[in-house]
Amino acid sequence: MKQIIIEGGAPLSGTIKISGAKNSAVALIPASLLCDEKVRIDNIPNISDIDALNEILEYLGATVRRTDGTIEIDSTNIVNKEIPETISRKLRASYYFMSALLGKYKKVEMYFPGGCSIGARPIDQTLKGFKELGAVVVEEGNKYTITAEELRGGHVYLDMPSVGATINTMLVAVRARGKTIIENAAKEPEVVNVATFLNNMGAKVTGAGTSEIRITGVDYLKGCFTEVIPDRIEAGTYMIAGALLGNKLKIDNVIPEHVEALSLKLKEMGIPMEIGSDYIVISKKDNLKKVNVKTLGYPGFPTDLQQPLTTLLTQCTGKSVLEETIYENRFQNVKFLNDLGANIEISDRKIYIEGPTKLVGTEVIATDLRAGACLVLAGLLADGKTTINEVEHVLRGYENIVDKLTSVGAKITLKDV
């Protein structure tokens, strides 16, 4: 087990460079299996989720070469065999292998994916997309066997704009015969990143980034190169750090439009920012105004920044209200924030944060990835020492978080226990 230990209160200044987006990379890597040649993906973050995907690639027989943020994948000799639960449960994104293998071989056998425990995360919309394209789904306990005599284009209406279901349906549709329309598709930048990768291979995908995506299936996908977009959730997390403790903290390698929902809320609070073409400079300010926040699909406020933002809301004057509409179990961080001195009440899908409150270091637990990020931010602000246990969750999604924060003045260490 690993711990993060923080001596709080240190001001943050300098530059943090944002890594490649976790939520893009974990889809791009499985998507590479659709290719009939070799692919190269740049700007891959060095996080444990990528290690887990790499394990699945090698288990299937792909040739993988990783060097300095680049991964080269040759899947021409892979064997389409059952992916066991021991490796599929390591991360939610393992289900992208489900669609890639189904698209390429018309058959896949694997177990329900794992990931953070943040509430019900069904794959019903993904399975709905598979069925609309001609697949037969057999569920046996936690195992899925999905087959198709022929994959054919279809009209898929998603009941909710799920990023996973949108990407999974795209991955199958690019190798299906005929045309597919995905309606109520997710608009997230990660969806666009995956669509660009598929088109670089020779797929015919249009409309990514809108609510309607159209795909014409192809028989062959060629080798190509693509690059992972900057991680908007990592950028947002460090922007919040700057709002808490920044002295002209520069967040570099950002696409400002991707974090606009957060930027607007920070401006509403009164946080001073300089927004450039690919960077944001942010500083701490006292007497922050309370705000109300509701999580929504892109371009709305991202659920993945809800927990990190809660730390900042403890420093606003008055009662802020935060409503979580995506996951019903994403307030596991609240208990530990209250242990640190916050005044937060939970009521169904909303939390009420009374502030400002002084935070004082104590021992807490990172119950999931973004809850862990929330507690790291709280530890940076709190008086005294904060010890965060089970930080493996944090390391899943933030590349070199300790080194990056140390480089801008934080007193933070990673410890094996």
Foldseek 3Di string as FASTA:
>chain_A
DKKKKFAADWFFADEFEFAFAPLQLLLQLLLQLLAQFKAKEARAFPFVSVVLSVVVLVVQPWDWDDDDRMIMIGNNPGHQDEDEPVRQQPAQSSCSNVLLCCQRPQKHKYFHHHAFDQADDDCVLLVQLLVQQAWDWDDDPRMIIIGGPAGAAGEREGPAQDQVSLSSSVSNQQSHAAKHKYAQHFQAVSQVQNVVVQVQQPWDWPDRNHRIIMGHYDNHGHYGYGYGQGHLLLLLLVQLLQQQRYDFYKYFRAQCQNNVQVVVVCVQQPWDWDDDRGMITTHYDAATAAEEAEDDGPPHHHPLCQLLVLLVNLRYAAKYKYFYDPHQRNCPLVVVQVVQWWDWDDDRRMIITHDNTAGAADEEEQSAQSSLSNVVSSQNHHHGMHMYPPCSRNSNGGRPPQVSRVVRTIRMDMGDD
